[in-house]
């Protein structure tokens, strides 16, 4: 018999359902990341469907027309407003920054948790 077959493996601690705390911690981490990615995806889709609109006057000043569905832009008189691209990019940037901070906090938080009881 080889030497390795005589060694006994140490039992891993399990809970009532039979899963190890490590698996539970990984599952919790993955579900939290999934929630963060869903939040980012839904936020981006809504921002693209309802972008901010503006109306630029002849002298270069602009009037904010608010948010509206992309296929029915708000009107100023009979002239439709244009999409305010800088504001839309700023909004998307803030959502991405919040997502990065959430993922970073999540990684630090899960590294601090005790995996084995």
PDB file of N, CA and C in Angstrom:
ATOM      1  N   UNK A   1       0.834  -1.189   0.000  1.00  0.00           N
ATOM      2  CA  UNK A   1       0.000   0.000   0.000  1.00  0.00           C
ATOM      3  C   UNK A   1       0.870   1.241   0.000  1.00  0.00           C
ATOM      4  N   UNK A   2       0.507   2.194  -0.775  1.00  0.00           N
ATOM      5  CA  UNK A   2       1.262   3.441  -0.766  1.00  0.00           C
ATOM      6  C   UNK A   2       1.071   4.189   0.555  1.00  0.00           C
ATOM      7  N   UNK A   3       2.025   5.014   0.835  1.00  0.00           N
ATOM      8  CA  UNK A   3       2.033   5.761   2.090  1.00  0.00           C
ATOM      9  C   UNK A   3       0.833   6.699   2.202  1.00  0.00           C
ATOM     10  N   UNK A   4       0.471   7.341   1.087  1.00  0.00           N
ATOM     11  CA  UNK A   4      -0.588   8.348   1.127  1.00  0.00           C
ATOM     12  C   UNK A   4      -1.965   7.758   1.417  1.00  0.00           C
ATOM     13  N   UNK A   5      -2.185   6.515   1.105  1.00  0.00           N
ATOM     14  CA  UNK A   5      -3.513   5.945   1.344  1.00  0.00           C
ATOM     15  C   UNK A   5      -3.762   5.690   2.825  1.00  0.00           C
ATOM     16  N   UNK A   6      -2.732   5.654   3.649  1.00  0.00           N
ATOM     17  CA  UNK A   6      -2.897   5.417   5.078  1.00  0.00           C
ATOM     18  C   UNK A   6      -3.258   6.686   5.851  1.00  0.00           C
ATOM     19  N   UNK A   7      -2.998   7.829   5.248  1.00  0.00           N
ATOM     20  CA  UNK A   7      -3.279   9.073   5.950  1.00  0.00           C
ATOM     21  C   UNK A   7      -4.774   9.344   5.959  1.00  0.00           C
ATOM     22  N   UNK A   8      -5.227   9.869   7.068  1.00  0.00           N
ATOM     23  CA  UNK A   8      -6.625  10.239   7.168  1.00  0.00           C
ATOM     24  C   UNK A   8      -6.764  11.728   6.886  1.00  0.00           C
ATOM     25  N   UNK A   9      -7.781  12.054   6.157  1.00  0.00           N
ATOM     26  CA  UNK A   9      -8.016  13.470   5.904  1.00  0.00           C
ATOM     27  C   UNK A   9      -8.809  14.053   7.067  1.00  0.00           C
ATOM     28  N   UNK A  10      -8.541  15.315   7.360  1.00  0.00           N
ATOM     29  CA  UNK A  10      -9.239  15.985   8.446  1.00  0.00           C
ATOM     30  C   UNK A  10     -10.646  16.338   7.992  1.00  0.00           C
ATOM     31  N   UNK A  11     -11.611  16.108   8.816  1.00  0.00           N
ATOM     32  CA  UNK A  11     -12.974  16.473   8.421  1.00  0.00           C
ATOM     33  C   UNK A  11     -13.116  17.990   8.403  1.00  0.00           C
ATOM     34  N   UNK A  12     -13.831  18.469   7.418  1.00  0.00           N
ATOM     35  CA  UNK A  12     -14.066  19.906   7.362  1.00  0.00           C
ATOM     36  C   UNK A  12     -15.320  20.215   8.164  1.00  0.00           C
ATOM     37  N   UNK A  13     -15.324  21.346   8.854  1.00  0.00           N
ATOM     38  CA  UNK A  13     -16.500  21.676   9.653  1.00  0.00           C
ATOM     39  C   UNK A  13     -17.700  21.939   8.752  1.00  0.00           C
ATOM     40  N   UNK A  14     -18.822  21.379   9.108  1.00  0.00           N
ATOM     41  CA  UNK A  14     -20.038  21.583   8.325  1.00  0.00           C
ATOM     42  C   UNK A  14     -21.132  22.096   9.240  1.00  0.00           C
ATOM     43  N   UNK A  15     -22.125  22.667   8.631  1.00  0.00           N
ATOM     44  CA  UNK A  15     -23.276  23.130   9.398  1.00  0.00           C
ATOM     45  C   UNK A  15     -24.417  22.125   9.261  1.00  0.00           C
ATOM     46  N   UNK A  16     -25.640  22.537   9.607  1.00  0.00           N
ATOM     47  CA  UNK A  16     -26.765  21.607   9.614  1.00  0.00           C
ATOM     48  C   UNK A  16     -27.094  21.062   8.229  1.00  0.00           C
ATOM     49  N   UNK A  17     -26.883  21.879   7.187  1.00  0.00           N
ATOM     50  CA  UNK A  17     -27.233  21.417   5.842  1.00  0.00           C
ATOM     51  C   UNK A  17     -26.098  20.649   5.177  1.00  0.00           C
ATOM     52  N   UNK A  18     -24.951  20.653   5.757  1.00  0.00           N
ATOM     53  CA  UNK A  18     -23.851  19.888   5.203  1.00  0.00           C
ATOM     54  C   UNK A  18     -22.880  20.692   4.361  1.00  0.00           C
ATOM     55  N   UNK A  19     -23.032  22.011   4.306  1.00  0.00           N
ATOM     56  CA  UNK A  19     -22.087  22.827   3.544  1.00  0.00           C
ATOM     57  C   UNK A  19     -21.078  23.439   4.493  1.00  0.00           C
ATOM     58  N   UNK A  20     -19.917  23.713   3.979  1.00  0.00           N
ATOM     59  CA  UNK A  20     -18.870  24.316   4.806  1.00  0.00           C
ATOM     60  C   UNK A  20     -19.063  25.824   4.856  1.00  0.00           C
ATOM     61  N   UNK A  21     -18.588  26.480   5.901  1.00  0.00           N
ATOM     62  CA  UNK A  21     -18.684  27.947   5.968  1.00  0.00           C
ATOM     63  C   UNK A  21     -17.954  28.632   4.817  1.00  0.00           C
ATOM     64  N   UNK A  22     -16.898  28.004   4.287  1.00  0.00           N
ATOM     65  CA  UNK A  22     -16.189  28.592   3.145  1.00  0.00           C
ATOM     66  C   UNK A  22     -17.103  28.667   1.939  1.00  0.00           C
ATOM     67  N   UNK A  23     -17.838  27.608   1.689  1.00  0.00           N
ATOM     68  CA  UNK A  23     -18.761  27.611   0.546  1.00  0.00           C
ATOM     69  C   UNK A  23     -19.852  28.649   0.764  1.00  0.00           C
ATOM     70  N   UNK A  24     -20.343  28.764   1.995  1.00  0.00           N
ATOM     71  CA  UNK A  24     -21.362  29.763   2.285  1.00  0.00           C
ATOM     72  C   UNK A  24     -20.836  31.175   2.075  1.00  0.00           C
ATOM     73  N   UNK A  25     -19.583  31.426   2.483  1.00  0.00           N
ATOM     74  CA  UNK A  25     -18.996  32.758   2.307  1.00  0.00           C
ATOM     75  C   UNK A  25     -18.817  33.075   0.829  1.00  0.00           C
ATOM     76  N   UNK A  26     -18.401  32.093   0.048  1.00  0.00           N
ATOM     77  CA  UNK A  26     -18.234  32.307  -1.397  1.00  0.00           C
ATOM     78  C   UNK A  26     -19.592  32.553  -2.042  1.00  0.00           C
ATOM     79  N   UNK A  27     -20.608  31.786  -1.645  1.00  0.00           N
ATOM     80  CA  UNK A  27     -21.946  31.986  -2.197  1.00  0.00           C
ATOM     81  C   UNK A  27     -22.479  33.373  -1.854  1.00  0.00           C
ATOM     82  N   UNK A  28     -22.283  33.817  -0.615  1.00  0.00           N
ATOM     83  CA  UNK A  28     -22.734  35.140  -0.207  1.00  0.00           C
ATOM     84  C   UNK A  28     -22.008  36.215  -1.010  1.00  0.00           C
ATOM     85  N   UNK A  29     -20.705  36.042  -1.224  1.00  0.00           N
ATOM     86  CA  UNK A  29     -19.922  36.998  -1.999  1.00  0.00           C
ATOM     87  C   UNK A  29     -20.424  37.074  -3.437  1.00  0.00           C
ATOM     88  N   UNK A  30     -20.699  35.906  -4.037  1.00  0.00           N
ATOM     89  CA  UNK A  30     -21.164  35.885  -5.424  1.00  0.00           C
ATOM     90  C   UNK A  30     -22.560  36.477  -5.553  1.00  0.00           C
ATOM     91  N   UNK A  31     -23.442  36.202  -4.599  1.00  0.00           N
ATOM     92  CA  UNK A  31     -24.776  36.785  -4.692  1.00  0.00           C
ATOM     93  C   UNK A  31     -24.730  38.295  -4.500  1.00  0.00           C
ATOM     94  N   UNK A  32     -23.829  38.782  -3.650  1.00  0.00           N
ATOM     95  CA  UNK A  32     -23.691  40.224  -3.473  1.00  0.00           C
ATOM     96  C   UNK A  32     -23.161  40.869  -4.744  1.00  0.00           C
ATOM     97  N   UNK A  33     -22.171  40.253  -5.370  1.00  0.00           N
ATOM     98  CA  UNK A  33     -21.662  40.782  -6.643  1.00  0.00           C
ATOM     99  C   UNK A  33     -22.736  40.755  -7.717  1.00  0.00           C
ATOM    100  N   UNK A  34     -23.533  39.715  -7.742  1.00  0.00           N
ATOM    101  CA  UNK A  34     -24.619  39.627  -8.718  1.00  0.00           C
ATOM    102  C   UNK A  34     -25.604  40.768  -8.511  1.00  0.00           C
ATOM    103  N   UNK A  35     -25.926  41.081  -7.258  1.00  0.00           N
ATOM    104  CA  UNK A  35     -26.834  42.194  -6.978  1.00  0.00           C
ATOM    105  C   UNK A  35     -26.242  43.523  -7.436  1.00  0.00           C
ATOM    106  N   UNK A  36     -24.943  43.707  -7.211  1.00  0.00           N
ATOM    107  CA  UNK A  36     -24.294  44.952  -7.634  1.00  0.00           C
ATOM    108  C   UNK A  36     -24.318  45.070  -9.153  1.00  0.00           C
ATOM    109  N   UNK A  37     -23.999  44.004  -9.864  1.00  0.00           N
ATOM    110  CA  UNK A  37     -23.999  44.046 -11.327  1.00  0.00           C
ATOM    111  C   UNK A  37     -25.410  44.248 -11.879  1.00  0.00           C
ATOM    112  N   UNK A  38     -26.406  43.659 -11.242  1.00  0.00           N
ATOM    113  CA  UNK A  38     -27.785  43.888 -11.683  1.00  0.00           C
ATOM    114  C   UNK A  38     -28.181  45.347 -11.481  1.00  0.00           C
ATOM    115  N   UNK A  39     -27.800  45.915 -10.333  1.00  0.00           N
ATOM    116  CA  UNK A  39     -28.095  47.319 -10.078  1.00  0.00           C
ATOM    117  C   UNK A  39     -27.467  48.212 -11.147  1.00  0.00           C
ATOM    118  N   UNK A  40     -26.215  47.948 -11.485  1.00  0.00           N
ATOM    119  CA  UNK A  40     -25.523  48.755 -12.501  1.00  0.00           C
ATOM    120  C   UNK A  40     -26.202  48.588 -13.857  1.00  0.00           C
ATOM    121  N   UNK A  41     -26.531  47.359 -14.227  1.00  0.00           N
ATOM    122  CA  UNK A  41     -27.157  47.119 -15.526  1.00  0.00           C
ATOM    123  C   UNK A  41     -28.528  47.796 -15.620  1.00  0.00           C
ATOM    124  N   UNK A  42     -29.338  47.656 -14.583  1.00  0.00           N
ATOM    125  CA  UNK A  42     -30.670  48.274 -14.607  1.00  0.00           C
ATOM    126  C   UNK A  42     -30.553  49.791 -14.625  1.00  0.00           C
ATOM    127  N   UNK A  43     -29.612  50.337 -13.853  1.00  0.00           N
ATOM    128  CA  UNK A  43     -29.418  51.795 -13.831  1.00  0.00           C
ATOM    129  C   UNK A  43     -28.983  52.310 -15.196  1.00  0.00           C
ATOM    130  N   UNK A  44     -28.056  51.611 -15.836  1.00  0.00           N
ATOM    131  CA  UNK A  44     -27.583  52.050 -17.158  1.00  0.00           C
ATOM    132  C   UNK A  44     -28.708  51.988 -18.199  1.00  0.00           C
ATOM    133  N   UNK A  45     -29.491  50.923 -18.173  1.00  0.00           N
ATOM    134  CA  UNK A  45     -30.590  50.797 -19.139  1.00  0.00           C
ATOM    135  C   UNK A  45     -31.600  51.927 -18.927  1.00  0.00           C
ATOM    136  N   UNK A  46     -31.947  52.200 -17.670  1.00  0.00           N
ATOM    137  CA  UNK A  46     -32.898  53.287 -17.397  1.00  0.00           C
ATOM    138  C   UNK A  46     -32.333  54.649 -17.791  1.00  0.00           C
ATOM    139  N   UNK A  47     -31.026  54.853 -17.562  1.00  0.00           N
ATOM    140  CA  UNK A  47     -30.421  56.129 -17.964  1.00  0.00           C
ATOM    141  C   UNK A  47     -30.425  56.288 -19.480  1.00  0.00           C
ATOM    142  N   UNK A  48     -30.250  55.184 -20.201  1.00  0.00           N
ATOM    143  CA  UNK A  48     -30.273  55.283 -21.660  1.00  0.00           C
ATOM    144  C   UNK A  48     -31.693  55.417 -22.203  1.00  0.00           C
ATOM    145  N   UNK A  49     -32.667  54.826 -21.525  1.00  0.00           N
ATOM    146  CA  UNK A  49     -34.059  54.950 -21.979  1.00  0.00           C
ATOM    147  C   UNK A  49     -34.657  56.320 -21.642  1.00  0.00           C
ATOM    148  N   UNK A  50     -34.230  56.915 -20.525  1.00  0.00           N
ATOM    149  CA  UNK A  50     -34.743  58.212 -20.089  1.00  0.00           C
ATOM    150  C   UNK A  50     -33.581  59.187 -19.876  1.00  0.00           C
ATOM    151  N   UNK A  51     -32.962  59.652 -20.978  1.00  0.00           N
ATOM    152  CA  UNK A  51     -31.798  60.543 -20.832  1.00  0.00           C
ATOM    153  C   UNK A  51     -32.225  61.973 -20.485  1.00  0.00           C
ATOM    154  N   UNK A  52     -31.271  62.774 -20.029  1.00  0.00           N
ATOM    155  CA  UNK A  52     -31.567  64.194 -19.791  1.00  0.00           C
ATOM    156  C   UNK A  52     -31.580  64.960 -21.113  1.00  0.00           C
ATOM    157  N   UNK A  53     -32.495  65.894 -21.236  1.00  0.00           N
ATOM    158  CA  UNK A  53     -32.603  66.695 -22.453  1.00  0.00           C
ATOM    159  C   UNK A  53     -32.315  68.155 -22.140  1.00  0.00           C
ATOM    160  N   UNK A  54     -31.886  68.868 -23.162  1.00  0.00           N
ATOM    161  CA  UNK A  54     -31.613  70.301 -23.035  1.00  0.00           C
ATOM    162  C   UNK A  54     -31.978  70.992 -24.340  1.00  0.00           C
ATOM    163  N   UNK A  55     -32.122  72.297 -24.238  1.00  0.00           N
ATOM    164  CA  UNK A  55     -32.379  73.121 -25.412  1.00  0.00           C
ATOM    165  C   UNK A  55     -31.343  74.227 -25.416  1.00  0.00           C
ATOM    166  N   UNK A  56     -30.596  74.356 -26.510  1.00  0.00           N
ATOM    167  CA  UNK A  56     -29.533  75.360 -26.609  1.00  0.00           C
ATOM    168  C   UNK A  56     -30.074  76.557 -27.380  1.00  0.00           C
ATOM    169  N   UNK A  57     -29.995  77.725 -26.754  1.00  0.00           N
ATOM    170  CA  UNK A  57     -30.467  78.962 -27.381  1.00  0.00           C
ATOM    171  C   UNK A  57     -29.425  79.484 -28.371  1.00  0.00           C
ATOM    172  N   UNK A  58     -29.804  80.486 -29.141  1.00  0.00           N
ATOM    173  CA  UNK A  58     -28.903  81.045 -30.160  1.00  0.00           C
ATOM    174  C   UNK A  58     -27.675  81.708 -29.552  1.00  0.00           C
ATOM    175  N   UNK A  59     -27.789  82.240 -28.353  1.00  0.00           N
ATOM    176  CA  UNK A  59     -26.634  82.907 -27.730  1.00  0.00           C
ATOM    177  C   UNK A  59     -25.710  81.929 -27.009  1.00  0.00           C
ATOM    178  N   UNK A  60     -26.010  80.634 -27.074  1.00  0.00           N
ATOM    179  CA  UNK A  60     -25.138  79.630 -26.481  1.00  0.00           C
ATOM    180  C   UNK A  60     -25.565  79.144 -25.112  1.00  0.00           C
ATOM    181  N   UNK A  61     -26.504  79.831 -24.478  1.00  0.00           N
ATOM    182  CA  UNK A  61     -26.973  79.348 -23.176  1.00  0.00           C
ATOM    183  C   UNK A  61     -27.932  78.181 -23.388  1.00  0.00           C
ATOM    184  N   UNK A  62     -28.042  77.362 -22.365  1.00  0.00           N
ATOM    185  CA  UNK A  62     -28.891  76.189 -22.505  1.00  0.00           C
ATOM    186  C   UNK A  62     -29.955  76.159 -21.427  1.00  0.00           C
ATOM    187  N   UNK A  63     -31.065  75.539 -21.777  1.00  0.00           N
ATOM    188  CA  UNK A  63     -32.183  75.385 -20.860  1.00  0.00           C
ATOM    189  C   UNK A  63     -32.367  73.893 -20.627  1.00  0.00           C
ATOM    190  N   UNK A  64     -32.382  73.496 -19.358  1.00  0.00           N
ATOM    191  CA  UNK A  64     -32.567  72.099 -19.015  1.00  0.00           C
ATOM    192  C   UNK A  64     -34.039  71.748 -19.193  1.00  0.00           C
ATOM    193  N   UNK A  65     -34.314  70.681 -19.954  1.00  0.00           N
ATOM    194  CA  UNK A  65     -35.686  70.247 -20.192  1.00  0.00           C
ATOM    195  C   UNK A  65     -36.059  69.019 -19.370  1.00  0.00           C
ATOM    196  N   UNK A  66     -35.162  68.548 -18.533  1.00  0.00           N
ATOM    197  CA  UNK A  66     -35.457  67.407 -17.672  1.00  0.00           C
ATOM    198  C   UNK A  66     -35.221  66.077 -18.367  1.00  0.00           C
ATOM    199  N   UNK A  67     -35.828  65.035 -17.814  1.00  0.00           N
ATOM    200  CA  UNK A  67     -35.669  63.681 -18.333  1.00  0.00           C
ATOM    201  C   UNK A  67     -36.938  63.283 -19.068  1.00  0.00           C
ATOM    202  N   UNK A  68     -36.762  62.531 -20.129  1.00  0.00           N
ATOM    203  CA  UNK A  68     -37.907  62.070 -20.897  1.00  0.00           C
ATOM    204  C   UNK A  68     -37.528  60.792 -21.621  1.00  0.00           C
ATOM    205  N   UNK A  69     -38.550  60.066 -22.079  1.00  0.00           N
ATOM    206  CA  UNK A  69     -38.303  58.853 -22.845  1.00  0.00           C
ATOM    207  C   UNK A  69     -37.569  59.216 -24.130  1.00  0.00           C
ATOM    208  N   UNK A  70     -36.632  58.378 -24.531  1.00  0.00           N
ATOM    209  CA  UNK A  70     -35.740  58.719 -25.644  1.00  0.00           C
ATOM    210  C   UNK A  70     -36.487  58.877 -26.977  1.00  0.00           C
ATOM    211  N   UNK A  71     -37.599  58.179 -27.145  1.00  0.00           N
ATOM    212  CA  UNK A  71     -38.341  58.273 -28.407  1.00  0.00           C
ATOM    213  C   UNK A  71     -39.361  59.407 -28.421  1.00  0.00           C
ATOM    214  N   UNK A  72     -39.556  60.080 -27.307  1.00  0.00           N
ATOM    215  CA  UNK A  72     -40.463  61.241 -27.275  1.00  0.00           C
ATOM    216  C   UNK A  72     -39.784  62.380 -26.508  1.00  0.00           C
ATOM    217  N   UNK A  73     -38.855  63.076 -27.176  1.00  0.00           N
ATOM    218  CA  UNK A  73     -38.131  64.151 -26.485  1.00  0.00           C
ATOM    219  C   UNK A  73     -39.062  65.314 -26.153  1.00  0.00           C
ATOM    220  N   UNK A  74     -38.759  66.031 -25.081  1.00  0.00           N
ATOM    221  CA  UNK A  74     -39.593  67.187 -24.731  1.00  0.00           C
ATOM    222  C   UNK A  74     -39.431  68.306 -25.752  1.00  0.00           C
ATOM    223  N   UNK A  75     -40.465  69.107 -25.878  1.00  0.00           N
ATOM    224  CA  UNK A  75     -40.466  70.194 -26.854  1.00  0.00           C
ATOM    225  C   UNK A  75     -40.328  71.536 -26.153  1.00  0.00           C
ATOM    226  N   UNK A  76     -39.658  72.446 -26.804  1.00  0.00           N
ATOM    227  CA  UNK A  76     -39.621  73.851 -26.379  1.00  0.00           C
ATOM    228  C   UNK A  76     -40.266  74.604 -27.532  1.00  0.00           C
ATOM    229  N   UNK A  77     -41.501  74.951 -27.361  1.00  0.00           N
ATOM    230  CA  UNK A  77     -42.261  75.485 -28.488  1.00  0.00           C
ATOM    231  C   UNK A  77     -42.588  74.326 -29.407  1.00  0.00           C
ATOM    232  N   UNK A  78     -42.067  74.360 -30.616  1.00  0.00           N
ATOM    233  CA  UNK A  78     -42.246  73.236 -31.542  1.00  0.00           C
ATOM    234  C   UNK A  78     -40.928  72.541 -31.852  1.00  0.00           C
ATOM    235  N   UNK A  79     -39.849  72.960 -31.167  1.00  0.00           N
ATOM    236  CA  UNK A  79     -38.520  72.406 -31.419  1.00  0.00           C
ATOM    237  C   UNK A  79     -38.199  71.361 -30.346  1.00  0.00           C
ATOM    238  N   UNK A  80     -37.838  70.132 -30.759  1.00  0.00           N
ATOM    239  CA  UNK A  80     -37.497  69.113 -29.755  1.00  0.00           C
ATOM    240  C   UNK A  80     -36.129  69.401 -29.127  1.00  0.00           C
ATOM    241  N   UNK A  81     -35.988  68.991 -27.878  1.00  0.00           N
ATOM    242  CA  UNK A  81     -34.725  69.162 -27.182  1.00  0.00           C
ATOM    243  C   UNK A  81     -33.714  68.106 -27.620  1.00  0.00           C
ATOM    244  N   UNK A  82     -32.454  68.366 -27.328  1.00  0.00           N
ATOM    245  CA  UNK A  82     -31.398  67.402 -27.650  1.00  0.00           C
ATOM    246  C   UNK A  82     -30.919  66.740 -26.359  1.00  0.00           C
ATOM    247  N   UNK A  83     -30.324  65.573 -26.508  1.00  0.00           N
ATOM    248  CA  UNK A  83     -29.846  64.828 -25.339  1.00  0.00           C
ATOM    249  C   UNK A  83     -28.617  65.532 -24.768  1.00  0.00           C
ATOM    250  N   UNK A  84     -28.610  65.693 -23.463  1.00  0.00           N
ATOM    251  CA  UNK A  84     -27.493  66.331 -22.760  1.00  0.00           C
ATOM    252  C   UNK A  84     -26.436  65.250 -22.480  1.00  0.00           C
ATOM    253  N   UNK A  85     -25.550  65.056 -23.449  1.00  0.00           N
ATOM    254  CA  UNK A  85     -24.542  63.991 -23.377  1.00  0.00           C
ATOM    255  C   UNK A  85     -23.591  64.160 -22.186  1.00  0.00           C
ATOM    256  N   UNK A  86     -23.066  65.366 -21.901  1.00  0.00           N
ATOM    257  CA  UNK A  86     -22.168  65.483 -20.738  1.00  0.00           C
ATOM    258  C   UNK A  86     -22.835  65.073 -19.424  1.00  0.00           C
ATOM    259  N   UNK A  87     -24.093  65.436 -19.236  1.00  0.00           N
ATOM    260  CA  UNK A  87     -24.795  65.051 -18.014  1.00  0.00           C
ATOM    261  C   UNK A  87     -25.026  63.540 -17.972  1.00  0.00           C
ATOM    262  N   UNK A  88     -25.339  62.945 -19.110  1.00  0.00           N
ATOM    263  CA  UNK A  88     -25.553  61.500 -19.176  1.00  0.00           C
ATOM    264  C   UNK A  88     -24.266  60.739 -18.851  1.00  0.00           C
ATOM    265  N   UNK A  89     -23.135  61.204 -19.377  1.00  0.00           N
ATOM    266  CA  UNK A  89     -21.849  60.566 -19.088  1.00  0.00           C
ATOM    267  C   UNK A  89     -21.491  60.725 -17.610  1.00  0.00           C
ATOM    268  N   UNK A  90     -21.790  61.900 -17.038  1.00  0.00           N
ATOM    269  CA  UNK A  90     -21.533  62.118 -15.619  1.00  0.00           C
ATOM    270  C   UNK A  90     -22.366  61.177 -14.754  1.00  0.00           C
ATOM    271  N   UNK A  91     -23.619  60.998 -15.098  1.00  0.00           N
ATOM    272  CA  UNK A  91     -24.481  60.079 -14.353  1.00  0.00           C
ATOM    273  C   UNK A  91     -23.952  58.646 -14.433  1.00  0.00           C
ATOM    274  N   UNK A  92     -23.585  58.216 -15.635  1.00  0.00           N
ATOM    275  CA  UNK A  92     -23.047  56.864 -15.799  1.00  0.00           C
ATOM    276  C   UNK A  92     -21.747  56.699 -15.015  1.00  0.00           C
ATOM    277  N   UNK A  93     -20.918  57.739 -15.006  1.00  0.00           N
ATOM    278  CA  UNK A  93     -19.675  57.690 -14.236  1.00  0.00           C
ATOM    279  C   UNK A  93     -19.926  57.541 -12.745  1.00  0.00           C
ATOM    280  N   UNK A  94     -20.921  58.256 -12.224  1.00  0.00           N
ATOM    281  CA  UNK A  94     -21.244  58.126 -10.800  1.00  0.00           C
ATOM    282  C   UNK A  94     -21.752  56.732 -10.467  1.00  0.00           C
ATOM    283  N   UNK A  95     -22.568  56.157 -11.336  1.00  0.00           N
ATOM    284  CA  UNK A  95     -23.056  54.787 -11.095  1.00  0.00           C
ATOM    285  C   UNK A  95     -21.885  53.809 -11.089  1.00  0.00           C
ATOM    286  N   UNK A  96     -20.951  53.970 -12.011  1.00  0.00           N
ATOM    287  CA  UNK A  96     -19.792  53.079 -12.058  1.00  0.00           C
ATOM    288  C   UNK A  96     -18.878  53.261 -10.846  1.00  0.00           C
ATOM    289  N   UNK A  97     -18.706  54.497 -10.395  1.00  0.00           N
ATOM    290  CA  UNK A  97     -17.881  54.746  -9.200  1.00  0.00           C
ATOM    291  C   UNK A  97     -18.525  54.105  -7.976  1.00  0.00           C
ATOM    292  N   UNK A  98     -19.835  54.250  -7.837  1.00  0.00           N
ATOM    293  CA  UNK A  98     -20.533  53.616  -6.720  1.00  0.00           C
ATOM    294  C   UNK A  98     -20.395  52.098  -6.793  1.00  0.00           C
ATOM    295  N   UNK A  99     -20.475  51.537  -8.001  1.00  0.00           N
ATOM    296  CA  UNK A  99     -20.324  50.088  -8.157  1.00  0.00           C
ATOM    297  C   UNK A  99     -18.914  49.638  -7.777  1.00  0.00           C
ATOM    298  N   UNK A 100     -17.896  50.387  -8.190  1.00  0.00           N
ATOM    299  CA  UNK A 100     -16.515  50.017  -7.853  1.00  0.00           C
ATOM    300  C   UNK A 100     -16.290  50.085  -6.343  1.00  0.00           C
ATOM    301  N   UNK A 101     -16.800  51.143  -5.700  1.00  0.00           N
ATOM    302  CA  UNK A 101     -16.675  51.228  -4.238  1.00  0.00           C
ATOM    303  C   UNK A 101     -17.431  50.102  -3.547  1.00  0.00           C
ATOM    304  N   UNK A 102     -18.591  49.742  -4.069  1.00  0.00           N
ATOM    305  CA  UNK A 102     -19.364  48.648  -3.466  1.00  0.00           C
ATOM    306  C   UNK A 102     -18.638  47.322  -3.600  1.00  0.00           C
ATOM    307  N   UNK A 103     -18.048  47.081  -4.757  1.00  0.00           N
ATOM    308  CA  UNK A 103     -17.301  45.833  -4.958  1.00  0.00           C
ATOM    309  C   UNK A 103     -16.060  45.820  -4.057  1.00  0.00           C
ATOM    310  N   UNK A 104     -15.367  46.948  -3.959  1.00  0.00           N
ATOM    311  CA  UNK A 104     -14.195  47.022  -3.088  1.00  0.00           C
ATOM    312  C   UNK A 104     -14.543  46.811  -1.633  1.00  0.00           C
ATOM    313  N   UNK A 105     -15.628  47.456  -1.173  1.00  0.00           N
ATOM    314  CA  UNK A 105     -16.051  47.263   0.208  1.00  0.00           C
ATOM    315  C   UNK A 105     -16.449  45.812   0.441  1.00  0.00           C
ATOM    316  N   UNK A 106     -17.115  45.232  -0.547  1.00  0.00           N
ATOM    317  CA  UNK A 106     -17.539  43.839  -0.432  1.00  0.00           C
ATOM    318  C   UNK A 106     -16.334  42.905  -0.326  1.00  0.00           C
ATOM    319  N   UNK A 107     -15.289  43.165  -1.091  1.00  0.00           N
ATOM    320  CA  UNK A 107     -14.091  42.324  -1.030  1.00  0.00           C
ATOM    321  C   UNK A 107     -13.407  42.455   0.326  1.00  0.00           C
ATOM    322  N   UNK A 108     -13.278  43.676   0.833  1.00  0.00           N
ATOM    323  CA  UNK A 108     -12.642  43.881   2.121  1.00  0.00           C
ATOM    324  C   UNK A 108     -13.488  43.267   3.230  1.00  0.00           C
ATOM    325  N   UNK A 109     -14.779  43.430   3.149  1.00  0.00           N
ATOM    326  CA  UNK A 109     -15.675  42.892   4.174  1.00  0.00           C
ATOM    327  C   UNK A 109     -15.598  41.372   4.233  1.00  0.00           C
ATOM    328  N   UNK A 110     -15.559  40.721   3.081  1.00  0.00           N
ATOM    329  CA  UNK A 110     -15.523  39.260   3.078  1.00  0.00           C
ATOM    330  C   UNK A 110     -14.146  38.715   3.456  1.00  0.00           C
ATOM    331  N   UNK A 111     -13.095  39.496   3.292  1.00  0.00           N
ATOM    332  CA  UNK A 111     -11.770  39.038   3.745  1.00  0.00           C
ATOM    333  C   UNK A 111     -11.683  39.078   5.259  1.00  0.00           C
ATOM    334  N   UNK A 112     -12.453  39.958   5.895  1.00  0.00           N
ATOM    335  CA  UNK A 112     -12.399  40.096   7.344  1.00  0.00           C
ATOM    336  C   UNK A 112     -13.278  39.062   8.056  1.00  0.00           C
ATOM    337  N   UNK A 113     -14.231  38.482   7.345  1.00  0.00           N
ATOM    338  CA  UNK A 113     -15.132  37.543   8.017  1.00  0.00           C
ATOM    339  C   UNK A 113     -14.395  36.257   8.341  1.00  0.00           C
ATOM    340  N   UNK A 114     -14.761  35.643   9.451  1.00  0.00           N
ATOM    341  CA  UNK A 114     -14.161  34.358   9.814  1.00  0.00           C
ATOM    342  C   UNK A 114     -14.857  33.276   8.999  1.00  0.00           C
ATOM    343  N   UNK A 115     -14.066  32.495   8.308  1.00  0.00           N
ATOM    344  CA  UNK A 115     -14.634  31.478   7.439  1.00  0.00           C
ATOM    345  C   UNK A 115     -14.924  30.213   8.211  1.00  0.00           C
ATOM    346  N   UNK A 116     -14.002  29.803   9.052  1.00  0.00           N
ATOM    347  CA  UNK A 116     -14.215  28.584   9.826  1.00  0.00           C
ATOM    348  C   UNK A 116     -14.589  28.913  11.252  1.00  0.00           C
ATOM    349  N   UNK A 117     -15.538  28.198  11.784  1.00  0.00           N
ATOM    350  CA  UNK A 117     -16.024  28.443  13.139  1.00  0.00           C
ATOM    351  C   UNK A 117     -15.191  27.678  14.132  1.00  0.00           C
TER     352      UNK A 117
END
